[in-house]
Amino acid sequence: MAETPIKVEAWPALPYPDWRATSETLHLWTQIVGKIRLANTPWQNHSWHIGLYLTTRGLTTSPIPDGARTFQIDFDFIDHALIITTSDGDTRRLELAPQPVAEFYAAVMAALADLEIDVSIDEWPCELPSPLRFSEDRVHASYDRDAVRRFFQALVQIDRVFKQFRTGFLGKASPVHFFWGSFDLAVTRFSGRTAPLHPGGVPYLADEIAQEAYSHEVSSAGFWPGAGLDYPAFYSYAYPAPEGFRAAKVRPAEAFYDEKLGEFVLPYDAVRTAQDPDQALLDFLQSTYDAAADSGNWDRATLEDSLGRAGVPRRLT
């Protein structure tokens, strides 16, 4: 039976220490699901074929090829379930509850086998220090429903604003997607020019993956729920970082350039407590993009337009 949804404020508090254990477990669960999509989907530029996407209830893989049919895996963060559906009408439902990663992994693979979906994945987590094989990980086993619901509600707001920001760019731009490796929601703009070969060396990520992902110049922004910084935050960076980028003045006042990360950072709390959270986030996205585009000499006149409005076609002049 479906749960009665718990009302959560539009921009909820998300103190990372309070839900660190759940975040770490959920991160690994999304990696299992993401790797299933990776194993069954043709490669797309910049690894866009691996991402998850926000829905009205959680995160989805979108349809995954399986011969002549497709299947889809959804995280439902309202009723706290993992739902596997196929294009020929089958469904399997697993409860999201405190359980070790090893048990979650076994249950997901068993459900896929029951649906006659033949898939195997690399069991080693990506982009994480000291990883444990999924089938052997009994360390990470937390699932706080309230924390997950608040995390999801934050993603709802952020996804909405990111998509609004995306409408102001006419060049190549990524979808707004959730990367399970780094556990972040992201959107990326491209100048249209190729970039120098990425040197690699990204911790816990194969060099060939990083090099393919950064084959072209980008201005990228996203949201981390807390890992690495110990607080949730927005980020923005350019690759390659142009001369003068880090010294640019960006908005709002709480934003700063983190020398260790090589990125601009804006704490999530600065947005959620702002008088107008949407505008505070849009200011960060726009001003950091301005810094990348201006210092990188992007062809802004041909790449940009005003933000889109519902039901109003873009006017050509």
Foldseek 3Di string as FASTA:
>chain_A
DADDFDDADLQHFQQCVVCVLQLVQVLLLLQLVLQQQVQQADADFLRLSRFWDADPFATKSPWGDQPPKTKIWGQGLGRQWIWIAIPVGDIDIGHHAFFWLLVSNVVVVVVCVVVVRDDDGAQWAFQDPPTDGSNPTRPRGHHDSVSSVSVSSNVVVVLVLVVLLVQFWDADKRRQTADSRQGKTKIKDFLPAFAPQDPDPRPRDDSVSVRRNRRGKMWMKIWDCAPPNSAIKIKIAIVVGFPPLQVFDFDDPQWHQDPVVRIIIHGSVVLVPDPHSSVRVSRRSVRSVCSRCVRVVRPDVPTGDDGDDPPDDDDDD
